[in-house]
């Protein structure tokens, strides 16, 4: 039943619009599932480590994402994954899904540093990422990211979301090969 399904990997630094875009995309799809990497990460309560500091925690999160993705695809859903997904993570997940006939689209939403800082300041205080936004920005630049996966959002507003989602759905440059 997994034939023809698509797994969308929506990534980017904190404050770039991943959750907003992911929610809009998953709502447009007929049979779909939304996986928030942050929610999956926070399922682990006692003994949880910061995934960017612990390879073990990072691996646990990605194996949970993998198994949920496989289950949803197996039962006929497209899957939208909203998380900070570096190229190595996209490659690993893609390799793990090779036995399924799925299309994988890897999209890194991107904004300049000033835009990220402004957007982060608009969040409620307990959800602000602060300096982590800029650290992630630099980590993406150093990750070997193929520029074809970037979708610039600096000049976009929430009114542009339909255009962004349509571009993600239709533009073949985001296909992960």
N, C-alpha and C. Protein backbone atom coordinates (compact mmCIF):
# COMPACT_ATOMS: atom_id res chain seq x y z
N UNK A 1 0.80 -1.19 0.00
CA UNK A 1 0.00 0.00 0.00
C UNK A 1 0.85 1.27 0.00
N UNK A 2 2.17 1.13 0.24
CA UNK A 2 3.02 2.30 0.35
C UNK A 2 3.36 2.94 -1.00
N UNK A 3 3.02 2.29 -2.12
CA UNK A 3 3.33 2.83 -3.43
C UNK A 3 2.73 4.22 -3.61
N UNK A 4 3.54 5.12 -4.13
CA UNK A 4 3.06 6.45 -4.45
C UNK A 4 3.02 7.42 -3.28
N UNK A 5 3.40 7.01 -2.11
CA UNK A 5 3.40 7.89 -0.95
C UNK A 5 4.61 8.81 -1.00
N UNK A 6 4.49 9.95 -0.32
CA UNK A 6 5.59 10.90 -0.22
C UNK A 6 5.89 11.17 1.24
N UNK A 7 7.17 11.23 1.56
CA UNK A 7 7.63 11.62 2.89
C UNK A 7 8.29 12.98 2.71
N UNK A 8 7.74 13.98 3.38
CA UNK A 8 8.25 15.34 3.31
C UNK A 8 9.09 15.61 4.56
N UNK A 9 10.32 16.00 4.36
CA UNK A 9 11.21 16.35 5.46
C UNK A 9 11.34 17.87 5.45
N UNK A 10 10.68 18.55 6.39
CA UNK A 10 10.73 20.00 6.46
C UNK A 10 11.66 20.41 7.59
N UNK A 11 12.71 21.10 7.21
CA UNK A 11 13.78 21.41 8.13
C UNK A 11 14.13 22.89 8.09
N UNK A 12 15.13 23.24 8.84
CA UNK A 12 15.65 24.60 8.88
C UNK A 12 15.89 25.01 10.31
N UNK A 13 16.59 26.12 10.49
CA UNK A 13 16.86 26.62 11.84
C UNK A 13 15.56 26.99 12.56
N UNK A 14 15.63 27.11 13.85
CA UNK A 14 14.48 27.53 14.66
C UNK A 14 14.01 28.90 14.20
N UNK A 15 12.70 29.06 14.07
CA UNK A 15 12.13 30.34 13.72
C UNK A 15 11.94 30.58 12.23
N UNK A 16 12.17 29.56 11.44
CA UNK A 16 12.10 29.73 9.98
C UNK A 16 10.71 29.45 9.42
N UNK A 17 9.84 28.84 10.22
CA UNK A 17 8.48 28.56 9.77
C UNK A 17 8.18 27.10 9.51
N UNK A 18 8.96 26.20 10.08
CA UNK A 18 8.77 24.76 9.86
C UNK A 18 7.38 24.29 10.30
N UNK A 19 7.01 24.65 11.51
CA UNK A 19 5.73 24.15 12.05
C UNK A 19 4.55 24.72 11.28
N UNK A 20 4.58 25.99 10.99
CA UNK A 20 3.49 26.62 10.23
C UNK A 20 3.36 25.97 8.86
N UNK A 21 4.48 25.82 8.17
CA UNK A 21 4.48 25.24 6.83
C UNK A 21 4.08 23.78 6.87
N UNK A 22 4.60 23.04 7.82
CA UNK A 22 4.28 21.61 7.93
C UNK A 22 2.80 21.39 8.19
N UNK A 23 2.23 22.19 9.08
CA UNK A 23 0.81 22.06 9.40
C UNK A 23 -0.05 22.34 8.17
N UNK A 24 0.30 23.37 7.44
CA UNK A 24 -0.46 23.71 6.23
C UNK A 24 -0.33 22.60 5.18
N UNK A 25 0.87 22.07 5.01
CA UNK A 25 1.10 21.01 4.04
C UNK A 25 0.32 19.75 4.41
N UNK A 26 0.41 19.32 5.65
CA UNK A 26 -0.27 18.09 6.06
C UNK A 26 -1.79 18.23 5.93
N UNK A 27 -2.31 19.43 6.13
CA UNK A 27 -3.74 19.65 5.99
C UNK A 27 -4.20 19.61 4.52
N UNK A 28 -3.31 19.88 3.59
CA UNK A 28 -3.65 19.84 2.16
C UNK A 28 -3.64 18.43 1.60
N UNK A 29 -2.92 17.54 2.23
CA UNK A 29 -2.77 16.18 1.73
C UNK A 29 -3.99 15.34 2.12
N UNK A 30 -4.41 14.46 1.22
CA UNK A 30 -5.62 13.67 1.44
C UNK A 30 -5.46 12.66 2.57
N UNK A 31 -4.43 11.87 2.52
CA UNK A 31 -4.12 10.87 3.57
C UNK A 31 -2.74 11.23 4.09
N UNK A 32 -2.70 11.75 5.32
CA UNK A 32 -1.42 12.27 5.79
C UNK A 32 -1.26 12.12 7.29
N UNK A 33 0.01 12.15 7.69
CA UNK A 33 0.38 12.13 9.10
C UNK A 33 1.41 13.22 9.34
N UNK A 34 1.33 13.84 10.50
CA UNK A 34 2.27 14.89 10.89
C UNK A 34 3.13 14.38 12.03
N UNK A 35 4.44 14.40 11.84
CA UNK A 35 5.36 14.00 12.90
C UNK A 35 6.20 15.21 13.29
N UNK A 36 6.06 15.63 14.52
CA UNK A 36 6.88 16.70 15.06
C UNK A 36 8.08 16.06 15.74
N UNK A 37 9.27 16.32 15.21
CA UNK A 37 10.48 15.79 15.83
C UNK A 37 10.63 16.27 17.26
N UNK A 38 10.22 17.50 17.52
CA UNK A 38 10.29 18.03 18.89
C UNK A 38 9.39 17.22 19.82
N UNK A 39 8.17 16.93 19.37
CA UNK A 39 7.26 16.13 20.21
C UNK A 39 7.82 14.74 20.45
N UNK A 40 8.38 14.13 19.42
CA UNK A 40 8.97 12.79 19.57
C UNK A 40 10.17 12.85 20.51
N UNK A 41 10.96 13.89 20.38
CA UNK A 41 12.12 14.07 21.25
C UNK A 41 11.70 14.18 22.72
N UNK A 42 10.61 14.88 22.97
CA UNK A 42 10.17 15.11 24.35
C UNK A 42 9.36 13.95 24.94
N UNK A 43 9.12 12.91 24.15
CA UNK A 43 8.45 11.72 24.69
C UNK A 43 9.35 11.06 25.74
N UNK A 44 10.64 11.14 25.53
CA UNK A 44 11.61 10.58 26.47
C UNK A 44 11.73 11.56 27.64
N UNK A 45 11.26 11.19 28.80
CA UNK A 45 11.18 12.11 29.94
C UNK A 45 12.38 12.00 30.87
N UNK A 46 12.47 10.91 31.60
CA UNK A 46 13.53 10.77 32.58
C UNK A 46 14.77 10.20 31.91
N UNK A 47 15.87 10.88 32.10
CA UNK A 47 17.12 10.44 31.49
C UNK A 47 17.37 11.04 30.12
N UNK A 48 16.47 11.89 29.65
CA UNK A 48 16.61 12.52 28.34
C UNK A 48 17.82 13.45 28.34
N UNK A 49 18.56 13.41 27.24
CA UNK A 49 19.68 14.31 27.05
C UNK A 49 19.38 15.22 25.87
N UNK A 50 20.12 16.29 25.72
CA UNK A 50 19.95 17.17 24.58
C UNK A 50 20.43 16.42 23.34
N UNK A 51 19.58 16.28 22.31
CA UNK A 51 19.97 15.47 21.15
C UNK A 51 21.17 16.03 20.39
N UNK A 52 21.42 17.31 20.48
CA UNK A 52 22.58 17.88 19.81
C UNK A 52 23.87 17.67 20.59
N UNK A 53 23.73 17.13 21.82
CA UNK A 53 24.90 16.82 22.64
C UNK A 53 25.09 15.33 22.86
N UNK A 54 24.09 14.53 22.50
CA UNK A 54 24.13 13.10 22.77
C UNK A 54 23.79 12.30 21.51
N UNK A 55 24.75 11.54 21.03
CA UNK A 55 24.52 10.69 19.86
C UNK A 55 23.45 9.64 20.16
N UNK A 56 23.46 9.14 21.37
CA UNK A 56 22.47 8.13 21.77
C UNK A 56 21.04 8.70 21.71
N UNK A 57 20.86 9.91 22.23
CA UNK A 57 19.54 10.55 22.21
C UNK A 57 19.12 10.87 20.77
N UNK A 58 20.06 11.38 19.99
CA UNK A 58 19.82 11.67 18.57
C UNK A 58 19.35 10.42 17.85
N UNK A 59 20.04 9.30 18.08
CA UNK A 59 19.68 8.04 17.42
C UNK A 59 18.30 7.54 17.87
N UNK A 60 17.99 7.66 19.16
CA UNK A 60 16.69 7.25 19.67
C UNK A 60 15.57 8.02 18.96
N UNK A 61 15.73 9.33 18.86
CA UNK A 61 14.71 10.16 18.19
C UNK A 61 14.54 9.71 16.75
N UNK A 62 15.64 9.52 16.02
CA UNK A 62 15.54 9.17 14.60
C UNK A 62 14.98 7.77 14.39
N UNK A 63 15.28 6.85 15.27
CA UNK A 63 14.67 5.51 15.13
C UNK A 63 13.17 5.57 15.40
N UNK A 64 12.74 6.40 16.35
CA UNK A 64 11.31 6.58 16.59
C UNK A 64 10.63 7.22 15.38
N UNK A 65 11.25 8.24 14.80
CA UNK A 65 10.72 8.87 13.60
C UNK A 65 10.63 7.85 12.47
N UNK A 66 11.66 7.05 12.30
CA UNK A 66 11.68 6.04 11.24
C UNK A 66 10.51 5.06 11.40
N UNK A 67 10.33 4.52 12.58
CA UNK A 67 9.29 3.50 12.77
C UNK A 67 7.88 4.08 12.61
N UNK A 68 7.67 5.28 13.10
CA UNK A 68 6.38 5.93 12.89
C UNK A 68 6.14 6.20 11.40
N UNK A 69 7.17 6.67 10.72
CA UNK A 69 7.05 6.94 9.28
C UNK A 69 6.71 5.67 8.53
N UNK A 70 7.43 4.60 8.80
CA UNK A 70 7.17 3.32 8.12
C UNK A 70 5.73 2.86 8.36
N UNK A 71 5.26 2.98 9.59
CA UNK A 71 3.89 2.55 9.89
C UNK A 71 2.85 3.38 9.14
N UNK A 72 3.01 4.68 9.15
CA UNK A 72 2.04 5.53 8.45
C UNK A 72 2.07 5.27 6.94
N UNK A 73 3.25 5.15 6.38
CA UNK A 73 3.35 4.87 4.94
C UNK A 73 2.75 3.51 4.62
N UNK A 74 3.06 2.53 5.44
CA UNK A 74 2.52 1.18 5.23
C UNK A 74 1.00 1.18 5.19
N UNK A 75 0.38 2.07 5.95
CA UNK A 75 -1.07 2.15 5.99
C UNK A 75 -1.64 3.25 5.08
N UNK A 76 -0.82 3.70 4.12
CA UNK A 76 -1.33 4.55 3.05
C UNK A 76 -1.31 6.05 3.27
N UNK A 77 -0.47 6.53 4.16
CA UNK A 77 -0.40 7.97 4.39
C UNK A 77 0.90 8.57 3.88
N UNK A 78 0.77 9.81 3.38
CA UNK A 78 1.96 10.64 3.19
C UNK A 78 2.38 11.09 4.58
N UNK A 79 3.65 11.39 4.76
CA UNK A 79 4.15 11.78 6.08
C UNK A 79 4.90 13.10 5.95
N UNK A 80 4.57 14.03 6.85
CA UNK A 80 5.27 15.31 6.93
C UNK A 80 6.03 15.31 8.25
N UNK A 81 7.34 15.41 8.16
CA UNK A 81 8.20 15.42 9.34
C UNK A 81 8.75 16.83 9.53
N UNK A 82 8.45 17.41 10.66
CA UNK A 82 8.84 18.77 11.02
C UNK A 82 9.91 18.65 12.11
N UNK A 83 11.16 18.94 11.73
CA UNK A 83 12.25 18.80 12.70
C UNK A 83 13.49 19.47 12.14
N UNK A 84 14.48 19.61 12.95
CA UNK A 84 15.78 20.09 12.49
C UNK A 84 16.49 18.88 11.90
N UNK A 85 16.48 18.83 10.56
CA UNK A 85 16.96 17.67 9.82
C UNK A 85 18.17 18.08 8.99
N UNK A 86 19.34 17.64 9.42
CA UNK A 86 20.56 17.93 8.67
C UNK A 86 20.68 16.93 7.51
N UNK A 87 21.49 17.26 6.50
CA UNK A 87 21.62 16.35 5.34
C UNK A 87 21.94 14.91 5.72
N UNK A 88 22.78 14.71 6.73
CA UNK A 88 23.13 13.32 7.11
C UNK A 88 21.90 12.58 7.66
N UNK A 89 21.01 13.29 8.34
CA UNK A 89 19.78 12.68 8.86
C UNK A 89 18.83 12.35 7.71
N UNK A 90 18.72 13.25 6.75
CA UNK A 90 17.86 13.01 5.58
C UNK A 90 18.38 11.81 4.79
N UNK A 91 19.68 11.72 4.66
CA UNK A 91 20.29 10.59 3.93
C UNK A 91 20.02 9.28 4.67
N UNK A 92 20.20 9.28 5.98
CA UNK A 92 19.98 8.07 6.78
C UNK A 92 18.53 7.61 6.65
N UNK A 93 17.58 8.54 6.83
CA UNK A 93 16.17 8.17 6.74
C UNK A 93 15.83 7.66 5.35
N UNK A 94 16.34 8.32 4.35
CA UNK A 94 16.11 7.90 2.96
C UNK A 94 16.60 6.47 2.74
N UNK A 95 17.78 6.16 3.25
CA UNK A 95 18.32 4.81 3.12
C UNK A 95 17.46 3.78 3.86
N UNK A 96 16.92 4.16 5.00
CA UNK A 96 16.09 3.25 5.78
C UNK A 96 14.73 2.98 5.14
N UNK A 97 14.33 3.86 4.24
CA UNK A 97 13.03 3.71 3.57
C UNK A 97 13.16 3.19 2.14
N UNK A 98 14.36 2.76 1.77
CA UNK A 98 14.60 2.30 0.39
C UNK A 98 13.70 1.14 -0.02
N UNK A 99 13.31 0.31 0.92
CA UNK A 99 12.47 -0.85 0.58
C UNK A 99 11.02 -0.46 0.35
N UNK A 100 10.68 0.80 0.59
CA UNK A 100 9.33 1.30 0.31
C UNK A 100 9.40 2.11 -0.98
N UNK A 101 8.36 2.06 -1.76
CA UNK A 101 8.30 2.85 -3.00
C UNK A 101 7.76 4.23 -2.67
N UNK A 102 8.57 5.03 -1.97
CA UNK A 102 8.15 6.37 -1.58
C UNK A 102 9.05 7.42 -2.23
N UNK A 103 8.48 8.58 -2.41
CA UNK A 103 9.24 9.75 -2.81
C UNK A 103 9.60 10.50 -1.54
N UNK A 104 10.83 10.93 -1.45
CA UNK A 104 11.25 11.71 -0.29
C UNK A 104 11.61 13.10 -0.78
N UNK A 105 10.99 14.10 -0.15
CA UNK A 105 11.29 15.49 -0.46
C UNK A 105 11.92 16.12 0.78
N UNK A 106 13.10 16.68 0.57
CA UNK A 106 13.85 17.31 1.65
C UNK A 106 13.88 18.82 1.37
N UNK A 107 13.25 19.58 2.26
CA UNK A 107 13.13 21.02 2.11
C UNK A 107 13.70 21.68 3.36
N UNK A 108 14.67 22.56 3.14
CA UNK A 108 15.24 23.33 4.24
C UNK A 108 14.75 24.76 4.09
N UNK A 109 13.79 25.12 4.94
CA UNK A 109 13.30 26.49 4.94
C UNK A 109 14.43 27.38 5.46
N UNK A 110 14.59 28.53 4.84
CA UNK A 110 15.77 29.35 5.13
C UNK A 110 15.40 30.81 5.27
N UNK A 111 16.00 31.47 6.22
CA UNK A 111 15.83 32.91 6.41
C UNK A 111 17.16 33.49 6.89
N UNK A 112 17.35 34.78 6.65
CA UNK A 112 18.59 35.42 7.11
C UNK A 112 18.56 35.52 8.63
N UNK A 113 19.72 35.78 9.21
CA UNK A 113 19.84 35.79 10.68
C UNK A 113 18.93 36.83 11.34
N UNK A 114 18.85 38.02 10.75
CA UNK A 114 18.00 39.06 11.35
C UNK A 114 16.54 38.61 11.41
N UNK A 115 16.07 37.98 10.34
CA UNK A 115 14.69 37.49 10.31
C UNK A 115 14.46 36.43 11.37
N UNK A 116 15.43 35.51 11.52
CA UNK A 116 15.30 34.46 12.54
C UNK A 116 15.20 35.06 13.94
N UNK A 117 16.04 36.03 14.23
CA UNK A 117 16.04 36.65 15.55
C UNK A 117 14.71 37.36 15.79
N UNK A 118 14.19 38.07 14.79
CA UNK A 118 12.91 38.78 14.93
C UNK A 118 11.77 37.79 15.14
N UNK A 119 11.76 36.70 14.37
CA UNK A 119 10.69 35.71 14.51
C UNK A 119 10.76 35.02 15.87
N UNK A 120 11.97 34.74 16.32
CA UNK A 120 12.13 34.08 17.62
C UNK A 120 11.59 34.98 18.74
N UNK A 121 11.81 36.27 18.62
CA UNK A 121 11.35 37.21 19.65
C UNK A 121 9.82 37.27 19.71
N UNK A 122 9.14 36.87 18.64
CA UNK A 122 7.68 36.89 18.62
C UNK A 122 7.06 35.68 19.31
N UNK A 123 7.88 34.66 19.57
CA UNK A 123 7.38 33.46 20.25
C UNK A 123 7.09 33.77 21.71
N UNK A 124 6.24 32.94 22.32
CA UNK A 124 6.07 33.10 23.77
C UNK A 124 7.40 32.75 24.44
N UNK A 125 7.65 33.37 25.55
CA UNK A 125 8.98 33.34 26.16
C UNK A 125 9.55 31.93 26.36
N UNK A 126 8.71 31.00 26.83
CA UNK A 126 9.24 29.65 27.11
C UNK A 126 9.55 28.86 25.84
N UNK A 127 9.14 29.35 24.68
CA UNK A 127 9.44 28.67 23.42
C UNK A 127 10.55 29.34 22.62
N UNK A 128 11.09 30.43 23.13
CA UNK A 128 12.16 31.13 22.42
C UNK A 128 13.44 30.30 22.44
N UNK A 129 14.13 30.35 21.31
CA UNK A 129 15.36 29.58 21.17
C UNK A 129 16.61 30.44 21.42
N UNK A 130 16.48 31.74 21.32
CA UNK A 130 17.60 32.64 21.58
C UNK A 130 18.78 32.34 20.68
N UNK A 131 19.93 32.21 21.29
CA UNK A 131 21.18 31.99 20.56
C UNK A 131 21.17 30.70 19.73
N UNK A 132 20.37 29.73 20.16
CA UNK A 132 20.28 28.44 19.45
C UNK A 132 19.87 28.64 17.98
N UNK A 133 19.03 29.65 17.69
CA UNK A 133 18.65 29.96 16.30
C UNK A 133 19.88 30.21 15.44
N UNK A 134 20.79 31.02 15.96
CA UNK A 134 21.98 31.40 15.20
C UNK A 134 22.99 30.26 15.14
N UNK A 135 23.06 29.47 16.19
CA UNK A 135 23.94 28.30 16.18
C UNK A 135 23.47 27.32 15.10
N UNK A 136 22.17 27.07 15.04
CA UNK A 136 21.61 26.16 14.02
C UNK A 136 21.84 26.71 12.62
N UNK A 137 21.69 28.02 12.44
CA UNK A 137 21.95 28.66 11.15
C UNK A 137 23.36 28.30 10.69
N UNK A 138 24.34 28.49 11.57
CA UNK A 138 25.73 28.19 11.23
C UNK A 138 25.96 26.70 11.00
N UNK A 139 25.31 25.86 11.80
CA UNK A 139 25.46 24.41 11.62
C UNK A 139 24.93 23.96 10.25
N UNK A 140 23.83 24.55 9.80
CA UNK A 140 23.33 24.22 8.46
C UNK A 140 24.33 24.64 7.39
N UNK A 141 24.93 25.81 7.55
CA UNK A 141 25.90 26.28 6.57
C UNK A 141 27.11 25.35 6.48
N UNK A 142 27.47 24.73 7.59
CA UNK A 142 28.64 23.85 7.65
C UNK A 142 28.30 22.38 7.38
N UNK A 143 27.03 22.07 7.11
CA UNK A 143 26.58 20.68 7.03
C UNK A 143 26.76 20.02 5.66
N UNK A 144 27.22 20.77 4.67
CA UNK A 144 27.31 20.20 3.34
C UNK A 144 25.98 20.20 2.61
N UNK A 145 25.08 21.06 3.03
CA UNK A 145 23.74 21.15 2.46
C UNK A 145 23.80 21.53 0.99
N UNK A 146 23.08 20.77 0.17
CA UNK A 146 22.94 21.09 -1.24
C UNK A 146 21.96 22.25 -1.36
N UNK A 147 22.37 23.31 -2.01
CA UNK A 147 21.57 24.53 -2.12
C UNK A 147 20.20 24.30 -2.77
N UNK A 148 20.07 23.23 -3.56
CA UNK A 148 18.78 22.98 -4.23
C UNK A 148 17.66 22.71 -3.23
N UNK A 149 18.02 22.31 -2.02
CA UNK A 149 17.01 22.00 -1.01
C UNK A 149 16.53 23.23 -0.23
N UNK A 150 17.17 24.38 -0.46
CA UNK A 150 16.80 25.59 0.28
C UNK A 150 15.56 26.24 -0.31
N UNK A 151 14.70 26.70 0.57
CA UNK A 151 13.52 27.48 0.20
C UNK A 151 13.54 28.73 1.08
N UNK A 152 13.89 29.85 0.49
CA UNK A 152 14.06 31.10 1.23
C UNK A 152 12.72 31.68 1.66
N UNK A 153 12.62 32.01 2.96
CA UNK A 153 11.37 32.53 3.51
C UNK A 153 11.54 33.91 4.16
N UNK A 154 12.71 34.50 4.06
CA UNK A 154 12.96 35.78 4.75
C UNK A 154 11.93 36.84 4.41
N UNK A 155 11.56 36.93 3.15
CA UNK A 155 10.66 38.00 2.71
C UNK A 155 9.19 37.58 2.71
N UNK A 156 8.93 36.36 3.15
CA UNK A 156 7.57 35.84 3.10
C UNK A 156 6.82 36.12 4.41
N UNK A 157 5.52 36.21 4.28
CA UNK A 157 4.65 36.42 5.44
C UNK A 157 3.71 35.22 5.53
N UNK A 158 2.95 35.11 6.61
CA UNK A 158 1.98 34.00 6.70
C UNK A 158 0.99 33.98 5.54
N UNK A 159 0.78 35.11 4.88
CA UNK A 159 -0.13 35.16 3.72
C UNK A 159 0.43 34.41 2.52
N UNK A 160 1.73 34.17 2.52
CA UNK A 160 2.39 33.48 1.40
C UNK A 160 2.43 31.97 1.57
N UNK A 161 1.86 31.44 2.64
CA UNK A 161 2.00 30.03 2.99
C UNK A 161 1.46 29.10 1.90
N UNK A 162 0.36 29.46 1.27
CA UNK A 162 -0.19 28.59 0.21
C UNK A 162 0.80 28.45 -0.94
N UNK A 163 1.45 29.54 -1.29
CA UNK A 163 2.46 29.50 -2.36
C UNK A 163 3.64 28.60 -1.96
N UNK A 164 4.08 28.73 -0.73
CA UNK A 164 5.21 27.93 -0.23
C UNK A 164 4.85 26.44 -0.27
N UNK A 165 3.68 26.09 0.20
CA UNK A 165 3.25 24.69 0.23
C UNK A 165 3.12 24.14 -1.18
N UNK A 166 2.56 24.91 -2.09
CA UNK A 166 2.44 24.48 -3.49
C UNK A 166 3.82 24.21 -4.10
N UNK A 167 4.77 25.09 -3.79
CA UNK A 167 6.14 24.91 -4.30
C UNK A 167 6.76 23.62 -3.75
N UNK A 168 6.55 23.35 -2.48
CA UNK A 168 7.08 22.12 -1.88
C UNK A 168 6.46 20.90 -2.55
N UNK A 169 5.17 20.94 -2.79
CA UNK A 169 4.48 19.80 -3.40
C UNK A 169 4.91 19.56 -4.85
N UNK A 170 5.17 20.63 -5.60
CA UNK A 170 5.34 20.48 -7.05
C UNK A 170 6.77 20.58 -7.56
N UNK A 171 7.67 21.21 -6.82
CA UNK A 171 9.02 21.44 -7.33
C UNK A 171 9.89 20.20 -7.12
N UNK A 172 10.35 19.62 -8.21
CA UNK A 172 11.15 18.39 -8.16
C UNK A 172 12.56 18.61 -7.61
N UNK A 173 12.98 19.86 -7.47
CA UNK A 173 14.34 20.07 -6.94
C UNK A 173 14.48 19.58 -5.50
N UNK A 174 13.33 19.44 -4.81
CA UNK A 174 13.38 19.01 -3.41
C UNK A 174 13.45 17.50 -3.27
N UNK A 175 13.30 16.75 -4.36
CA UNK A 175 13.38 15.30 -4.26
C UNK A 175 14.77 14.91 -3.76
N UNK A 176 14.79 14.04 -2.78
CA UNK A 176 16.05 13.57 -2.21
C UNK A 176 16.47 12.31 -2.96
N UNK A 177 17.63 12.37 -3.57
CA UNK A 177 18.09 11.22 -4.37
C UNK A 177 19.33 10.64 -3.76
